[in-house]
């Protein structure tokens, strides 16, 4: 998996083949993480949006934004049922 300027590429580590090209952030992607079961992928863009993707189809499932601040990071809970997001207030 590699973050590009405005997208995410997912590769098969055995073959090196690119499986997905995820686009949707309006700025550089600063974080990517698979859910514990591997079915979802989250990404955090420099614009402060958190996106949740289906890791098989590449479909964007959810976008989180916050008017009072910027999301800077995110992590799944160990069971994958919760998502914690860190926020830095913009002043």
PDB file of N, CA and C in Angstrom:
ATOM      1  N   UNK A   1       0.851  -1.157   0.000  1.00  0.00           N
ATOM      2  CA  UNK A   1       0.000   0.000   0.000  1.00  0.00           C
ATOM      3  C   UNK A   1       0.896   1.219   0.000  1.00  0.00           C
ATOM      4  N   UNK A   2       0.613   2.159  -0.828  1.00  0.00           N
ATOM      5  CA  UNK A   2       1.410   3.378  -0.910  1.00  0.00           C
ATOM      6  C   UNK A   2       0.491   4.576  -1.064  1.00  0.00           C
ATOM      7  N   UNK A   3       0.823   5.660  -0.377  1.00  0.00           N
ATOM      8  CA  UNK A   3       0.023   6.877  -0.505  1.00  0.00           C
ATOM      9  C   UNK A   3       0.618   7.719  -1.625  1.00  0.00           C
ATOM     10  N   UNK A   4      -0.217   8.127  -2.547  1.00  0.00           N
ATOM     11  CA  UNK A   4       0.233   9.001  -3.616  1.00  0.00           C
ATOM     12  C   UNK A   4      -0.188  10.420  -3.280  1.00  0.00           C
ATOM     13  N   UNK A   5       0.030  11.362  -4.168  1.00  0.00           N
ATOM     14  CA  UNK A   5      -0.298  12.759  -3.900  1.00  0.00           C
ATOM     15  C   UNK A   5      -1.743  12.931  -3.446  1.00  0.00           C
ATOM     16  N   UNK A   6      -2.682  12.291  -4.129  1.00  0.00           N
ATOM     17  CA  UNK A   6      -4.081  12.439  -3.748  1.00  0.00           C
ATOM     18  C   UNK A   6      -4.833  11.127  -3.825  1.00  0.00           C
ATOM     19  N   UNK A   7      -4.167  10.053  -3.629  1.00  0.00           N
ATOM     20  CA  UNK A   7      -4.835   8.770  -3.700  1.00  0.00           C
ATOM     21  C   UNK A   7      -4.065   7.707  -2.964  1.00  0.00           C
ATOM     22  N   UNK A   8      -4.623   6.525  -2.979  1.00  0.00           N
ATOM     23  CA  UNK A   8      -4.019   5.382  -2.302  1.00  0.00           C
ATOM     24  C   UNK A   8      -3.986   4.236  -3.296  1.00  0.00           C
ATOM     25  N   UNK A   9      -2.877   3.555  -3.354  1.00  0.00           N
ATOM     26  CA  UNK A   9      -2.741   2.383  -4.200  1.00  0.00           C
ATOM     27  C   UNK A   9      -2.584   1.178  -3.284  1.00  0.00           C
ATOM     28  N   UNK A  10      -3.343   0.124  -3.536  1.00  0.00           N
ATOM     29  CA  UNK A  10      -3.255  -1.115  -2.777  1.00  0.00           C
ATOM     30  C   UNK A  10      -2.664  -2.181  -3.700  1.00  0.00           C
ATOM     31  N   UNK A  11      -1.610  -2.859  -3.209  1.00  0.00           N
ATOM     32  CA  UNK A  11      -0.893  -3.851  -4.002  1.00  0.00           C
ATOM     33  C   UNK A  11      -0.987  -5.230  -3.366  1.00  0.00           C
ATOM     34  N   UNK A  12      -0.942  -6.252  -4.192  1.00  0.00           N
ATOM     35  CA  UNK A  12      -0.788  -7.626  -3.735  1.00  0.00           C
ATOM     36  C   UNK A  12       0.702  -7.820  -3.454  1.00  0.00           C
ATOM     37  N   UNK A  13       1.061  -8.144  -2.230  1.00  0.00           N
ATOM     38  CA  UNK A  13       2.480  -8.248  -1.876  1.00  0.00           C
ATOM     39  C   UNK A  13       3.155  -9.468  -2.504  1.00  0.00           C
ATOM     40  N   UNK A  14       2.398 -10.470  -2.878  1.00  0.00           N
ATOM     41  CA  UNK A  14       2.998 -11.645  -3.512  1.00  0.00           C
ATOM     42  C   UNK A  14       3.372 -11.392  -4.964  1.00  0.00           C
ATOM     43  N   UNK A  15       2.512 -10.670  -5.680  1.00  0.00           N
ATOM     44  CA  UNK A  15       2.729 -10.479  -7.114  1.00  0.00           C
ATOM     45  C   UNK A  15       3.223  -9.072  -7.484  1.00  0.00           C
ATOM     46  N   UNK A  16       3.024  -8.111  -6.565  1.00  0.00           N
ATOM     47  CA  UNK A  16       3.366  -6.723  -6.871  1.00  0.00           C
ATOM     48  C   UNK A  16       2.321  -6.037  -7.738  1.00  0.00           C
ATOM     49  N   UNK A  17       1.233  -6.732  -8.036  1.00  0.00           N
ATOM     50  CA  UNK A  17       0.177  -6.177  -8.876  1.00  0.00           C
ATOM     51  C   UNK A  17      -0.652  -5.158  -8.087  1.00  0.00           C
ATOM     52  N   UNK A  18      -0.939  -4.025  -8.743  1.00  0.00           N
ATOM     53  CA  UNK A  18      -1.803  -3.017  -8.134  1.00  0.00           C
ATOM     54  C   UNK A  18      -3.240  -3.507  -8.217  1.00  0.00           C
ATOM     55  N   UNK A  19      -3.909  -3.563  -7.077  1.00  0.00           N
ATOM     56  CA  UNK A  19      -5.279  -4.051  -7.008  1.00  0.00           C
ATOM     57  C   UNK A  19      -6.311  -2.926  -7.001  1.00  0.00           C
ATOM     58  N   UNK A  20      -5.992  -1.834  -6.321  1.00  0.00           N
ATOM     59  CA  UNK A  20      -6.928  -0.724  -6.187  1.00  0.00           C
ATOM     60  C   UNK A  20      -6.209   0.602  -6.321  1.00  0.00           C
ATOM     61  N   UNK A  21      -6.921   1.574  -6.821  1.00  0.00           N
ATOM     62  CA  UNK A  21      -6.451   2.958  -6.898  1.00  0.00           C
ATOM     63  C   UNK A  21      -7.574   3.810  -6.326  1.00  0.00           C
ATOM     64  N   UNK A  22      -7.442   4.206  -5.068  1.00  0.00           N
ATOM     65  CA  UNK A  22      -8.507   4.915  -4.360  1.00  0.00           C
ATOM     66  C   UNK A  22      -8.266   6.414  -4.423  1.00  0.00           C
ATOM     67  N   UNK A  23      -9.243   7.123  -4.932  1.00  0.00           N
ATOM     68  CA  UNK A  23      -9.139   8.581  -5.034  1.00  0.00           C
ATOM     69  C   UNK A  23     -10.360   9.200  -4.378  1.00  0.00           C
ATOM     70  N   UNK A  24     -10.171  10.348  -3.756  1.00  0.00           N
ATOM     71  CA  UNK A  24     -11.282  11.006  -3.113  1.00  0.00           C
ATOM     72  C   UNK A  24     -10.852  12.114  -2.164  1.00  0.00           C
ATOM     73  N   UNK A  25      -9.595  12.082  -1.758  1.00  0.00           N
ATOM     74  CA  UNK A  25      -9.100  13.154  -0.898  1.00  0.00           C
ATOM     75  C   UNK A  25      -8.768  14.374  -1.753  1.00  0.00           C
ATOM     76  N   UNK A  26      -8.904  15.550  -1.158  1.00  0.00           N
ATOM     77  CA  UNK A  26      -8.626  16.799  -1.864  1.00  0.00           C
ATOM     78  C   UNK A  26      -7.212  17.296  -1.600  1.00  0.00           C
ATOM     79  N   UNK A  27      -6.452  16.537  -0.843  1.00  0.00           N
ATOM     80  CA  UNK A  27      -5.061  16.885  -0.572  1.00  0.00           C
ATOM     81  C   UNK A  27      -4.285  15.598  -0.354  1.00  0.00           C
ATOM     82  N   UNK A  28      -3.058  15.724   0.010  1.00  0.00           N
ATOM     83  CA  UNK A  28      -2.176  14.578   0.218  1.00  0.00           C
ATOM     84  C   UNK A  28      -2.704  13.658   1.322  1.00  0.00           C
ATOM     85  N   UNK A  29      -2.558  12.366   1.135  1.00  0.00           N
ATOM     86  CA  UNK A  29      -2.971  11.372   2.123  1.00  0.00           C
ATOM     87  C   UNK A  29      -1.835  11.199   3.122  1.00  0.00           C
ATOM     88  N   UNK A  30      -2.154  11.332   4.425  1.00  0.00           N
ATOM     89  CA  UNK A  30      -1.116  11.243   5.445  1.00  0.00           C
ATOM     90  C   UNK A  30      -1.166   9.964   6.260  1.00  0.00           C
ATOM     91  N   UNK A  31      -2.260   9.203   6.182  1.00  0.00           N
ATOM     92  CA  UNK A  31      -2.358   7.963   6.950  1.00  0.00           C
ATOM     93  C   UNK A  31      -3.282   6.987   6.257  1.00  0.00           C
ATOM     94  N   UNK A  32      -2.925   5.714   6.297  1.00  0.00           N
ATOM     95  CA  UNK A  32      -3.798   4.634   5.834  1.00  0.00           C
ATOM     96  C   UNK A  32      -3.690   3.486   6.828  1.00  0.00           C
ATOM     97  N   UNK A  33      -4.794   2.758   7.005  1.00  0.00           N
ATOM     98  CA  UNK A  33      -4.788   1.621   7.932  1.00  0.00           C
ATOM     99  C   UNK A  33      -5.915   0.667   7.566  1.00  0.00           C
ATOM    100  N   UNK A  34      -5.602  -0.633   7.567  1.00  0.00           N
ATOM    101  CA  UNK A  34      -6.629  -1.647   7.375  1.00  0.00           C
ATOM    102  C   UNK A  34      -7.332  -1.926   8.691  1.00  0.00           C
ATOM    103  N   UNK A  35      -8.622  -2.279   8.617  1.00  0.00           N
ATOM    104  CA  UNK A  35      -9.356  -2.728   9.796  1.00  0.00           C
ATOM    105  C   UNK A  35      -8.789  -4.075  10.238  1.00  0.00           C
ATOM    106  N   UNK A  36      -9.041  -4.488  11.490  1.00  0.00           N
ATOM    107  CA  UNK A  36      -8.502  -5.768  11.969  1.00  0.00           C
ATOM    108  C   UNK A  36      -8.889  -6.973  11.105  1.00  0.00           C
ATOM    109  N   UNK A  37     -10.082  -6.949  10.509  1.00  0.00           N
ATOM    110  CA  UNK A  37     -10.489  -8.078   9.669  1.00  0.00           C
ATOM    111  C   UNK A  37     -10.072  -7.913   8.209  1.00  0.00           C
ATOM    112  N   UNK A  38      -9.466  -6.763   7.864  1.00  0.00           N
ATOM    113  CA  UNK A  38      -8.982  -6.526   6.513  1.00  0.00           C
ATOM    114  C   UNK A  38     -10.051  -6.110   5.518  1.00  0.00           C
ATOM    115  N   UNK A  39     -11.303  -6.004   5.949  1.00  0.00           N
ATOM    116  CA  UNK A  39     -12.400  -5.699   5.023  1.00  0.00           C
ATOM    117  C   UNK A  39     -12.547  -4.212   4.725  1.00  0.00           C
ATOM    118  N   UNK A  40     -12.004  -3.365   5.582  1.00  0.00           N
ATOM    119  CA  UNK A  40     -12.120  -1.916   5.418  1.00  0.00           C
ATOM    120  C   UNK A  40     -10.727  -1.294   5.459  1.00  0.00           C
ATOM    121  N   UNK A  41     -10.642  -0.117   4.874  1.00  0.00           N
ATOM    122  CA  UNK A  41      -9.401   0.657   4.884  1.00  0.00           C
ATOM    123  C   UNK A  41      -9.785   2.080   5.242  1.00  0.00           C
ATOM    124  N   UNK A  42      -9.061   2.681   6.174  1.00  0.00           N
ATOM    125  CA  UNK A  42      -9.322   4.088   6.476  1.00  0.00           C
ATOM    126  C   UNK A  42      -8.157   4.913   5.970  1.00  0.00           C
ATOM    127  N   UNK A  43      -8.457   6.151   5.620  1.00  0.00           N
ATOM    128  CA  UNK A  43      -7.417   7.073   5.178  1.00  0.00           C
ATOM    129  C   UNK A  43      -7.704   8.445   5.755  1.00  0.00           C
ATOM    130  N   UNK A  44      -6.629   9.178   6.027  1.00  0.00           N
ATOM    131  CA  UNK A  44      -6.746  10.535   6.541  1.00  0.00           C
ATOM    132  C   UNK A  44      -5.972  11.435   5.590  1.00  0.00           C
ATOM    133  N   UNK A  45      -6.644  12.455   5.065  1.00  0.00           N
ATOM    134  CA  UNK A  45      -5.998  13.398   4.162  1.00  0.00           C
ATOM    135  C   UNK A  45      -5.551  14.650   4.891  1.00  0.00           C
ATOM    136  N   UNK A  46      -4.606  15.349   4.315  1.00  0.00           N
ATOM    137  CA  UNK A  46      -4.110  16.594   4.897  1.00  0.00           C
ATOM    138  C   UNK A  46      -5.218  17.640   4.991  1.00  0.00           C
ATOM    139  N   UNK A  47      -6.284  17.503   4.209  1.00  0.00           N
ATOM    140  CA  UNK A  47      -7.413  18.436   4.287  1.00  0.00           C
ATOM    141  C   UNK A  47      -8.237  18.203   5.548  1.00  0.00           C
ATOM    142  N   UNK A  48      -7.940  17.109   6.279  1.00  0.00           N
ATOM    143  CA  UNK A  48      -8.631  16.827   7.529  1.00  0.00           C
ATOM    144  C   UNK A  48      -9.792  15.873   7.416  1.00  0.00           C
ATOM    145  N   UNK A  49      -9.996  15.268   6.273  1.00  0.00           N
ATOM    146  CA  UNK A  49     -11.091  14.312   6.104  1.00  0.00           C
ATOM    147  C   UNK A  49     -10.601  12.895   6.382  1.00  0.00           C
ATOM    148  N   UNK A  50     -11.463  12.117   7.021  1.00  0.00           N
ATOM    149  CA  UNK A  50     -11.229  10.692   7.238  1.00  0.00           C
ATOM    150  C   UNK A  50     -12.184   9.945   6.326  1.00  0.00           C
ATOM    151  N   UNK A  51     -11.658   9.012   5.569  1.00  0.00           N
ATOM    152  CA  UNK A  51     -12.494   8.234   4.646  1.00  0.00           C
ATOM    153  C   UNK A  51     -12.380   6.757   4.990  1.00  0.00           C
ATOM    154  N   UNK A  52     -13.497   6.066   4.847  1.00  0.00           N
ATOM    155  CA  UNK A  52     -13.555   4.631   5.053  1.00  0.00           C
ATOM    156  C   UNK A  52     -13.896   3.984   3.723  1.00  0.00           C
ATOM    157  N   UNK A  53     -13.118   2.982   3.339  1.00  0.00           N
ATOM    158  CA  UNK A  53     -13.250   2.327   2.036  1.00  0.00           C
ATOM    159  C   UNK A  53     -13.497   0.829   2.225  1.00  0.00           C
ATOM    160  N   UNK A  54     -14.172   0.226   1.265  1.00  0.00           N
ATOM    161  CA  UNK A  54     -14.246  -1.225   1.176  1.00  0.00           C
ATOM    162  C   UNK A  54     -12.937  -1.667   0.521  1.00  0.00           C
ATOM    163  N   UNK A  55     -12.176  -2.498   1.208  1.00  0.00           N
ATOM    164  CA  UNK A  55     -10.840  -2.840   0.705  1.00  0.00           C
ATOM    165  C   UNK A  55     -10.853  -3.818  -0.461  1.00  0.00           C
ATOM    166  N   UNK A  56     -11.981  -4.414  -0.747  1.00  0.00           N
ATOM    167  CA  UNK A  56     -12.056  -5.312  -1.894  1.00  0.00           C
ATOM    168  C   UNK A  56     -12.531  -4.601  -3.153  1.00  0.00           C
ATOM    169  N   UNK A  57     -13.596  -3.812  -3.021  1.00  0.00           N
ATOM    170  CA  UNK A  57     -14.171  -3.150  -4.197  1.00  0.00           C
ATOM    171  C   UNK A  57     -13.583  -1.760  -4.437  1.00  0.00           C
ATOM    172  N   UNK A  58     -13.039  -1.141  -3.380  1.00  0.00           N
ATOM    173  CA  UNK A  58     -12.539   0.225  -3.491  1.00  0.00           C
ATOM    174  C   UNK A  58     -13.618   1.270  -3.333  1.00  0.00           C
ATOM    175  N   UNK A  59     -14.840   0.847  -3.021  1.00  0.00           N
ATOM    176  CA  UNK A  59     -15.953   1.788  -2.847  1.00  0.00           C
ATOM    177  C   UNK A  59     -15.743   2.618  -1.583  1.00  0.00           C
ATOM    178  N   UNK A  60     -15.942   3.929  -1.717  1.00  0.00           N
ATOM    179  CA  UNK A  60     -15.894   4.818  -0.564  1.00  0.00           C
ATOM    180  C   UNK A  60     -17.179   4.631   0.221  1.00  0.00           C
ATOM    181  N   UNK A  61     -17.049   4.280   1.506  1.00  0.00           N
ATOM    182  CA  UNK A  61     -18.208   3.974   2.333  1.00  0.00           C
ATOM    183  C   UNK A  61     -18.636   5.137   3.214  1.00  0.00           C
ATOM    184  N   UNK A  62     -17.676   5.966   3.629  1.00  0.00           N
ATOM    185  CA  UNK A  62     -17.969   7.017   4.598  1.00  0.00           C
ATOM    186  C   UNK A  62     -16.899   8.091   4.514  1.00  0.00           C
ATOM    187  N   UNK A  63     -17.311   9.350   4.677  1.00  0.00           N
ATOM    188  CA  UNK A  63     -16.369  10.459   4.808  1.00  0.00           C
ATOM    189  C   UNK A  63     -16.741  11.240   6.053  1.00  0.00           C
ATOM    190  N   UNK A  64     -15.767  11.450   6.939  1.00  0.00           N
ATOM    191  CA  UNK A  64     -15.969  12.234   8.153  1.00  0.00           C
ATOM    192  C   UNK A  64     -15.211  13.544   8.030  1.00  0.00           C
ATOM    193  N   UNK A  65     -15.888  14.643   8.345  1.00  0.00           N
ATOM    194  CA  UNK A  65     -15.243  15.952   8.401  1.00  0.00           C
ATOM    195  C   UNK A  65     -15.716  16.636   9.671  1.00  0.00           C
ATOM    196  N   UNK A  66     -15.015  17.662  10.103  1.00  0.00           N
ATOM    197  CA  UNK A  66     -15.361  18.373  11.321  1.00  0.00           C
ATOM    198  C   UNK A  66     -15.190  19.861  11.092  1.00  0.00           C
ATOM    199  N   UNK A  67     -16.270  20.627  11.217  1.00  0.00           N
ATOM    200  CA  UNK A  67     -16.227  22.063  10.947  1.00  0.00           C
ATOM    201  C   UNK A  67     -15.393  22.823  11.977  1.00  0.00           C
ATOM    202  N   UNK A  68     -15.290  22.308  13.202  1.00  0.00           N
ATOM    203  CA  UNK A  68     -14.584  23.017  14.271  1.00  0.00           C
ATOM    204  C   UNK A  68     -13.095  22.698  14.311  1.00  0.00           C
ATOM    205  N   UNK A  69     -12.660  21.735  13.568  1.00  0.00           N
ATOM    206  CA  UNK A  69     -11.254  21.352  13.621  1.00  0.00           C
ATOM    207  C   UNK A  69     -10.865  20.488  12.450  1.00  0.00           C
ATOM    208  N   UNK A  70      -9.706  19.926  12.567  1.00  0.00           N
ATOM    209  CA  UNK A  70      -9.194  19.061  11.507  1.00  0.00           C
ATOM    210  C   UNK A  70      -8.875  17.702  12.079  1.00  0.00           C
ATOM    211  N   UNK A  71      -9.378  16.682  11.441  1.00  0.00           N
ATOM    212  CA  UNK A  71      -8.998  15.327  11.823  1.00  0.00           C
ATOM    213  C   UNK A  71      -7.560  15.098  11.373  1.00  0.00           C
ATOM    214  N   UNK A  72      -6.742  14.610  12.269  1.00  0.00           N
ATOM    215  CA  UNK A  72      -5.327  14.414  11.945  1.00  0.00           C
ATOM    216  C   UNK A  72      -4.901  12.961  11.923  1.00  0.00           C
ATOM    217  N   UNK A  73      -5.666  12.112  12.546  1.00  0.00           N
ATOM    218  CA  UNK A  73      -5.317  10.699  12.579  1.00  0.00           C
ATOM    219  C   UNK A  73      -6.529   9.890  12.972  1.00  0.00           C
ATOM    220  N   UNK A  74      -6.463   8.596  12.754  1.00  0.00           N
ATOM    221  CA  UNK A  74      -7.579   7.722  13.095  1.00  0.00           C
ATOM    222  C   UNK A  74      -7.057   6.316  13.320  1.00  0.00           C
ATOM    223  N   UNK A  75      -7.819   5.537  14.085  1.00  0.00           N
ATOM    224  CA  UNK A  75      -7.447   4.149  14.346  1.00  0.00           C
ATOM    225  C   UNK A  75      -8.699   3.332  14.643  1.00  0.00           C
ATOM    226  N   UNK A  76      -8.678   2.090  14.215  1.00  0.00           N
ATOM    227  CA  UNK A  76      -9.750   1.158  14.521  1.00  0.00           C
ATOM    228  C   UNK A  76      -9.557   0.597  15.927  1.00  0.00           C
ATOM    229  N   UNK A  77     -10.664   0.237  16.575  1.00  0.00           N
ATOM    230  CA  UNK A  77     -10.586  -0.527  17.819  1.00  0.00           C
ATOM    231  C   UNK A  77     -10.140  -1.942  17.460  1.00  0.00           C
ATOM    232  N   UNK A  78      -9.634  -2.704  18.449  1.00  0.00           N
ATOM    233  CA  UNK A  78      -9.165  -4.065  18.142  1.00  0.00           C
ATOM    234  C   UNK A  78     -10.213  -4.957  17.480  1.00  0.00           C
ATOM    235  N   UNK A  79     -11.500  -4.749  17.793  1.00  0.00           N
ATOM    236  CA  UNK A  79     -12.536  -5.581  17.168  1.00  0.00           C
ATOM    237  C   UNK A  79     -13.059  -4.983  15.865  1.00  0.00           C
ATOM    238  N   UNK A  80     -12.585  -3.770  15.509  1.00  0.00           N
ATOM    239  CA  UNK A  80     -12.975  -3.135  14.251  1.00  0.00           C
ATOM    240  C   UNK A  80     -14.347  -2.484  14.262  1.00  0.00           C
ATOM    241  N   UNK A  81     -15.005  -2.427  15.421  1.00  0.00           N
ATOM    242  CA  UNK A  81     -16.357  -1.874  15.490  1.00  0.00           C
ATOM    243  C   UNK A  81     -16.385  -0.379  15.781  1.00  0.00           C
ATOM    244  N   UNK A  82     -15.280   0.172  16.255  1.00  0.00           N
ATOM    245  CA  UNK A  82     -15.197   1.594  16.565  1.00  0.00           C
ATOM    246  C   UNK A  82     -14.034   2.231  15.826  1.00  0.00           C
ATOM    247  N   UNK A  83     -14.155   3.527  15.603  1.00  0.00           N
ATOM    248  CA  UNK A  83     -13.100   4.296  14.962  1.00  0.00           C
ATOM    249  C   UNK A  83     -12.818   5.508  15.841  1.00  0.00           C
ATOM    250  N   UNK A  84     -11.580   5.653  16.294  1.00  0.00           N
ATOM    251  CA  UNK A  84     -11.177   6.817  17.082  1.00  0.00           C
ATOM    252  C   UNK A  84     -10.479   7.790  16.150  1.00  0.00           C
ATOM    253  N   UNK A  85     -10.797   9.081  16.282  1.00  0.00           N
ATOM    254  CA  UNK A  85     -10.243  10.104  15.406  1.00  0.00           C
ATOM    255  C   UNK A  85      -9.646  11.218  16.258  1.00  0.00           C
ATOM    256  N   UNK A  86      -8.402  11.610  15.961  1.00  0.00           N
ATOM    257  CA  UNK A  86      -7.798  12.719  16.695  1.00  0.00           C
ATOM    258  C   UNK A  86      -8.106  14.023  15.966  1.00  0.00           C
ATOM    259  N   UNK A  87      -8.362  15.067  16.764  1.00  0.00           N
ATOM    260  CA  UNK A  87      -8.768  16.356  16.216  1.00  0.00           C
ATOM    261  C   UNK A  87      -7.844  17.438  16.746  1.00  0.00           C
ATOM    262  N   UNK A  88      -7.386  18.301  15.847  1.00  0.00           N
ATOM    263  CA  UNK A  88      -6.633  19.502  16.217  1.00  0.00           C
ATOM    264  C   UNK A  88      -7.506  20.696  15.867  1.00  0.00           C
ATOM    265  N   UNK A  89      -7.781  21.526  16.847  1.00  0.00           N
ATOM    266  CA  UNK A  89      -8.632  22.693  16.611  1.00  0.00           C
ATOM    267  C   UNK A  89      -7.894  23.730  15.785  1.00  0.00           C
ATOM    268  N   UNK A  90      -8.572  24.241  14.774  1.00  0.00           N
ATOM    269  CA  UNK A  90      -8.022  25.283  13.925  1.00  0.00           C
ATOM    270  C   UNK A  90      -8.481  26.624  14.496  1.00  0.00           C
ATOM    271  N   UNK A  91      -7.548  27.527  14.736  1.00  0.00           N
ATOM    272  CA  UNK A  91      -7.900  28.838  15.299  1.00  0.00           C
ATOM    273  C   UNK A  91      -7.596  29.931  14.328  1.00  0.00           C
TER     274      UNK A  91
END
